[in-house]
Amino acid sequence: MFDRTLLPGFIQLGYRSLLPGIVCSDIYRLIPGSIQLGYLQSTSGFDTARVSTVYFRV
């Protein structure tokens, strides 16, 4: 179990040291990935919709 007296100080220390770096690196890393993922999902969604409409028409 955690020592509850150490936890708040540990969290504060962790936030102060990690948060700026995590936020900066994650934002720059996630923005292209999320754009790419959204683009892939939307294009694949459009493709499947197109294929399904063509398939059902035949």
PDB file of N, CA and C in Angstrom:
ATOM      1  N   MET A   1       0.833  -1.209   0.000  1.00  0.00           N
ATOM      2  CA  MET A   1       0.000   0.000   0.000  1.00  0.00           C
ATOM      3  C   MET A   1       0.866   1.257   0.000  1.00  0.00           C
ATOM      4  N   PHE A   2       0.304   2.337  -0.532  1.00  0.00           N
ATOM      5  CA  PHE A   2       1.011   3.619  -0.548  1.00  0.00           C
ATOM      6  C   PHE A   2       1.025   4.244   0.839  1.00  0.00           C
ATOM      7  N   ASP A   3       2.097   4.965   1.123  1.00  0.00           N
ATOM      8  CA  ASP A   3       2.114   5.786   2.323  1.00  0.00           C
ATOM      9  C   ASP A   3       1.381   7.076   1.983  1.00  0.00           C
ATOM     10  N   ARG A   4       0.252   7.290   2.628  1.00  0.00           N
ATOM     11  CA  ARG A   4      -0.622   8.409   2.246  1.00  0.00           C
ATOM     12  C   ARG A   4       0.014   9.762   2.528  1.00  0.00           C
ATOM     13  N   THR A   5       0.955   9.811   3.464  1.00  0.00           N
ATOM     14  CA  THR A   5       1.592  11.093   3.770  1.00  0.00           C
ATOM     15  C   THR A   5       2.555  11.491   2.664  1.00  0.00           C
ATOM     16  N   LEU A   6       3.090  10.510   1.945  1.00  0.00           N
ATOM     17  CA  LEU A   6       4.041  10.804   0.878  1.00  0.00           C
ATOM     18  C   LEU A   6       3.342  11.124  -0.431  1.00  0.00           C
ATOM     19  N   LEU A   7       2.129  10.653  -0.579  1.00  0.00           N
ATOM     20  CA  LEU A   7       1.450  10.738  -1.864  1.00  0.00           C
ATOM     21  C   LEU A   7       1.263  12.168  -2.378  1.00  0.00           C
ATOM     22  N   PRO A   8       0.740  13.111  -1.582  1.00  0.00           N
ATOM     23  CA  PRO A   8       0.534  14.465  -2.129  1.00  0.00           C
ATOM     24  C   PRO A   8       1.827  15.116  -2.592  1.00  0.00           C
ATOM     25  N   GLY A   9       2.887  14.992  -1.793  1.00  0.00           N
ATOM     26  CA  GLY A   9       4.170  15.571  -2.185  1.00  0.00           C
ATOM     27  C   GLY A   9       4.711  14.917  -3.438  1.00  0.00           C
ATOM     28  N   PHE A  10       4.555  13.613  -3.520  1.00  0.00           N
ATOM     29  CA  PHE A  10       5.031  12.868  -4.690  1.00  0.00           C
ATOM     30  C   PHE A  10       4.266  13.295  -5.939  1.00  0.00           C
ATOM     31  N   ILE A  11       2.963  13.447  -5.810  1.00  0.00           N
ATOM     32  CA  ILE A  11       2.133  13.873  -6.944  1.00  0.00           C
ATOM     33  C   ILE A  11       2.532  15.274  -7.388  1.00  0.00           C
ATOM     34  N   GLN A  12       2.713  16.185  -6.405  1.00  0.00           N
ATOM     35  CA  GLN A  12       3.118  17.548  -6.737  1.00  0.00           C
ATOM     36  C   GLN A  12       4.453  17.551  -7.452  1.00  0.00           C
ATOM     37  N   LEU A  13       5.403  16.792  -6.916  1.00  0.00           N
ATOM     38  CA  LEU A  13       6.738  16.730  -7.515  1.00  0.00           C
ATOM     39  C   LEU A  13       6.655  16.147  -8.917  1.00  0.00           C
ATOM     40  N   GLY A  14       5.877  15.090  -9.072  1.00  0.00           N
ATOM     41  CA  GLY A  14       5.727  14.462 -10.380  1.00  0.00           C
ATOM     42  C   GLY A  14       5.081  15.396 -11.383  1.00  0.00           C
ATOM     43  N   TYR A  15       4.043  16.105 -10.940  1.00  0.00           N
ATOM     44  CA  TYR A  15       3.374  17.045 -11.841  1.00  0.00           C
ATOM     45  C   TYR A  15       4.311  18.153 -12.272  1.00  0.00           C
ATOM     46  N   ARG A  16       5.061  18.701 -11.294  1.00  0.00           N
ATOM     47  CA  ARG A  16       5.932  19.827 -11.615  1.00  0.00           C
ATOM     48  C   ARG A  16       7.012  19.435 -12.594  1.00  0.00           C
ATOM     49  N   SER A  17       7.526  18.225 -12.462  1.00  0.00           N
ATOM     50  CA  SER A  17       8.641  17.827 -13.321  1.00  0.00           C
ATOM     51  C   SER A  17       8.154  17.211 -14.628  1.00  0.00           C
ATOM     52  N   LEU A  18       7.059  16.474 -14.586  1.00  0.00           N
ATOM     53  CA  LEU A  18       6.632  15.707 -15.756  1.00  0.00           C
ATOM     54  C   LEU A  18       5.624  16.435 -16.623  1.00  0.00           C
ATOM     55  N   LEU A  19       4.720  17.177 -16.002  1.00  0.00           N
ATOM     56  CA  LEU A  19       3.582  17.709 -16.740  1.00  0.00           C
ATOM     57  C   LEU A  19       3.968  18.581 -17.924  1.00  0.00           C
ATOM     58  N   PRO A  20       4.870  19.577 -17.762  1.00  0.00           N
ATOM     59  CA  PRO A  20       5.191  20.408 -18.931  1.00  0.00           C
ATOM     60  C   PRO A  20       5.777  19.598 -20.077  1.00  0.00           C
ATOM     61  N   GLY A  21       6.702  18.697 -19.759  1.00  0.00           N
ATOM     62  CA  GLY A  21       7.314  17.882 -20.807  1.00  0.00           C
ATOM     63  C   GLY A  21       6.315  16.953 -21.461  1.00  0.00           C
ATOM     64  N   ILE A  22       5.463  16.341 -20.645  1.00  0.00           N
ATOM     65  CA  ILE A  22       4.459  15.415 -21.181  1.00  0.00           C
ATOM     66  C   ILE A  22       3.483  16.164 -22.079  1.00  0.00           C
ATOM     67  N   VAL A  23       3.013  17.309 -21.599  1.00  0.00           N
ATOM     68  CA  VAL A  23       2.039  18.081 -22.370  1.00  0.00           C
ATOM     69  C   VAL A  23       2.637  18.506 -23.702  1.00  0.00           C
ATOM     70  N   CYS A  24       3.860  19.072 -23.650  1.00  0.00           N
ATOM     71  CA  CYS A  24       4.486  19.566 -24.879  1.00  0.00           C
ATOM     72  C   CYS A  24       4.724  18.425 -25.863  1.00  0.00           C
ATOM     73  N   SER A  25       5.355  17.354 -25.393  1.00  0.00           N
ATOM     74  CA  SER A  25       5.704  16.270 -26.307  1.00  0.00           C
ATOM     75  C   SER A  25       4.449  15.551 -26.789  1.00  0.00           C
ATOM     76  N   ASP A  26       3.477  15.370 -25.901  1.00  0.00           N
ATOM     77  CA  ASP A  26       2.265  14.649 -26.283  1.00  0.00           C
ATOM     78  C   ASP A  26       1.437  15.435 -27.282  1.00  0.00           C
ATOM     79  N   ILE A  27       1.346  16.742 -27.086  1.00  0.00           N
ATOM     80  CA  ILE A  27       0.565  17.546 -28.033  1.00  0.00           C
ATOM     81  C   ILE A  27       1.182  17.456 -29.418  1.00  0.00           C
ATOM     82  N   TYR A  28       2.512  17.626 -29.476  1.00  0.00           N
ATOM     83  CA  TYR A  28       3.160  17.588 -30.785  1.00  0.00           C
ATOM     84  C   TYR A  28       3.122  16.188 -31.384  1.00  0.00           C
ATOM     85  N   ARG A  29       3.106  15.180 -30.523  1.00  0.00           N
ATOM     86  CA  ARG A  29       3.087  13.812 -31.026  1.00  0.00           C
ATOM     87  C   ARG A  29       1.674  13.395 -31.400  1.00  0.00           C
ATOM     88  N   LEU A  30       0.683  13.879 -30.679  1.00  0.00           N
ATOM     89  CA  LEU A  30      -0.692  13.412 -30.868  1.00  0.00           C
ATOM     90  C   LEU A  30      -1.415  14.125 -31.994  1.00  0.00           C
ATOM     91  N   ILE A  31      -1.095  15.405 -32.204  1.00  0.00           N
ATOM     92  CA  ILE A  31      -1.825  16.153 -33.236  1.00  0.00           C
ATOM     93  C   ILE A  31      -1.693  15.498 -34.609  1.00  0.00           C
ATOM     94  N   PRO A  32      -0.477  15.198 -35.087  1.00  0.00           N
ATOM     95  CA  PRO A  32      -0.393  14.552 -36.406  1.00  0.00           C
ATOM     96  C   PRO A  32      -1.047  13.176 -36.410  1.00  0.00           C
ATOM     97  N   GLY A  33      -0.858  12.422 -35.327  1.00  0.00           N
ATOM     98  CA  GLY A  33      -1.436  11.092 -35.250  1.00  0.00           C
ATOM     99  C   GLY A  33      -2.950  11.126 -35.269  1.00  0.00           C
ATOM    100  N   SER A  34      -3.533  12.062 -34.511  1.00  0.00           N
ATOM    101  CA  SER A  34      -4.993  12.132 -34.460  1.00  0.00           C
ATOM    102  C   SER A  34      -5.555  12.607 -35.788  1.00  0.00           C
ATOM    103  N   ILE A  35      -4.858  13.553 -36.434  1.00  0.00           N
ATOM    104  CA  ILE A  35      -5.304  14.015 -37.751  1.00  0.00           C
ATOM    105  C   ILE A  35      -5.251  12.862 -38.746  1.00  0.00           C
ATOM    106  N   GLN A  36      -4.130  12.129 -38.705  1.00  0.00           N
ATOM    107  CA  GLN A  36      -3.968  10.997 -39.607  1.00  0.00           C
ATOM    108  C   GLN A  36      -5.038   9.946 -39.335  1.00  0.00           C
ATOM    109  N   LEU A  37      -5.255   9.647 -38.059  1.00  0.00           N
ATOM    110  CA  LEU A  37      -6.236   8.635 -37.678  1.00  0.00           C
ATOM    111  C   LEU A  37      -7.635   9.057 -38.112  1.00  0.00           C
ATOM    112  N   GLY A  38      -7.977  10.325 -37.858  1.00  0.00           N
ATOM    113  CA  GLY A  38      -9.287  10.816 -38.273  1.00  0.00           C
ATOM    114  C   GLY A  38      -9.449  10.781 -39.777  1.00  0.00           C
ATOM    115  N   TYR A  39      -8.377  11.136 -40.482  1.00  0.00           N
ATOM    116  CA  TYR A  39      -8.420  11.121 -41.945  1.00  0.00           C
ATOM    117  C   TYR A  39      -8.600   9.700 -42.450  1.00  0.00           C
ATOM    118  N   LEU A  40      -7.831   8.771 -41.874  1.00  0.00           N
ATOM    119  CA  LEU A  40      -7.938   7.374 -42.286  1.00  0.00           C
ATOM    120  C   LEU A  40      -9.324   6.831 -41.979  1.00  0.00           C
ATOM    121  N   GLN A  41      -9.843   7.161 -40.794  1.00  0.00           N
ATOM    122  CA  GLN A  41     -11.168   6.671 -40.425  1.00  0.00           C
ATOM    123  C   GLN A  41     -12.238   7.239 -41.343  1.00  0.00           C
ATOM    124  N   SER A  42     -12.133   8.527 -41.650  1.00  0.00           N
ATOM    125  CA  SER A  42     -13.154   9.141 -42.498  1.00  0.00           C
ATOM    126  C   SER A  42     -13.069   8.594 -43.919  1.00  0.00           C
ATOM    127  N   THR A  43     -11.846   8.437 -44.434  1.00  0.00           N
ATOM    128  CA  THR A  43     -11.714   7.933 -45.798  1.00  0.00           C
ATOM    129  C   THR A  43     -12.149   6.479 -45.877  1.00  0.00           C
ATOM    130  N   SER A  44     -11.760   5.677 -44.880  1.00  0.00           N
ATOM    131  CA  SER A  44     -12.173   4.276 -44.898  1.00  0.00           C
ATOM    132  C   SER A  44     -13.679   4.175 -44.714  1.00  0.00           C
ATOM    133  N   GLY A  45     -14.242   5.061 -43.903  1.00  0.00           N
ATOM    134  CA  GLY A  45     -15.690   5.089 -43.729  1.00  0.00           C
ATOM    135  C   GLY A  45     -16.396   5.434 -45.025  1.00  0.00           C
ATOM    136  N   PHE A  46     -15.860   6.424 -45.743  1.00  0.00           N
ATOM    137  CA  PHE A  46     -16.440   6.794 -47.031  1.00  0.00           C
ATOM    138  C   PHE A  46     -16.308   5.645 -48.026  1.00  0.00           C
ATOM    139  N   ASP A  47     -15.159   4.990 -48.017  1.00  0.00           N
ATOM    140  CA  ASP A  47     -14.940   3.868 -48.932  1.00  0.00           C
ATOM    141  C   ASP A  47     -15.923   2.746 -48.658  1.00  0.00           C
ATOM    142  N   THR A  48     -16.096   2.387 -47.393  1.00  0.00           N
ATOM    143  CA  THR A  48     -17.017   1.299 -47.070  1.00  0.00           C
ATOM    144  C   THR A  48     -18.447   1.704 -47.410  1.00  0.00           C
ATOM    145  N   ALA A  49     -18.792   2.977 -47.185  1.00  0.00           N
ATOM    146  CA  ALA A  49     -20.136   3.442 -47.538  1.00  0.00           C
ATOM    147  C   ALA A  49     -20.337   3.360 -49.044  1.00  0.00           C
ATOM    148  N   ARG A  50     -19.314   3.768 -49.786  1.00  0.00           N
ATOM    149  CA  ARG A  50     -19.397   3.722 -51.240  1.00  0.00           C
ATOM    150  C   ARG A  50     -19.532   2.278 -51.714  1.00  0.00           C
ATOM    151  N   VAL A  51     -18.705   1.413 -51.168  1.00  0.00           N
ATOM    152  CA  VAL A  51     -18.734   0.002 -51.557  1.00  0.00           C
ATOM    153  C   VAL A  51     -20.090  -0.610 -51.217  1.00  0.00           C
ATOM    154  N   SER A  52     -20.614  -0.289 -50.023  1.00  0.00           N
ATOM    155  CA  SER A  52     -21.882  -0.891 -49.615  1.00  0.00           C
ATOM    156  C   SER A  52     -23.027  -0.389 -50.492  1.00  0.00           C
ATOM    157  N   THR A  53     -23.020   0.900 -50.857  1.00  0.00           N
ATOM    158  CA  THR A  53     -24.093   1.408 -51.715  1.00  0.00           C
ATOM    159  C   THR A  53     -24.012   0.776 -53.096  1.00  0.00           C
ATOM    160  N   VAL A  54     -22.792   0.655 -53.607  1.00  0.00           N
ATOM    161  CA  VAL A  54     -22.612   0.014 -54.916  1.00  0.00           C
ATOM    162  C   VAL A  54     -23.048  -1.443 -54.835  1.00  0.00           C
ATOM    163  N   TYR A  55     -22.665  -2.108 -53.752  1.00  0.00           N
ATOM    164  CA  TYR A  55     -22.989  -3.523 -53.590  1.00  0.00           C
ATOM    165  C   TYR A  55     -24.501  -3.721 -53.498  1.00  0.00           C
ATOM    166  N   PHE A  56     -25.169  -2.859 -52.743  1.00  0.00           N
ATOM    167  CA  PHE A  56     -26.604  -3.012 -52.564  1.00  0.00           C
ATOM    168  C   PHE A  56     -27.376  -2.607 -53.815  1.00  0.00           C
ATOM    169  N   ARG A  57     -26.808  -1.746 -54.606  1.00  0.00           N
ATOM    170  CA  ARG A  57     -27.458  -1.363 -55.856  1.00  0.00           C
ATOM    171  C   ARG A  57     -27.480  -2.536 -56.826  1.00  0.00           C
ATOM    172  N   VAL A  58     -26.410  -3.293 -56.845  1.00  0.00           N
ATOM    173  CA  VAL A  58     -26.310  -4.472 -57.719  1.00  0.00           C
ATOM    174  C   VAL A  58     -27.105  -5.612 -57.097  1.00  0.00           C
TER     175      VAL A  58
END
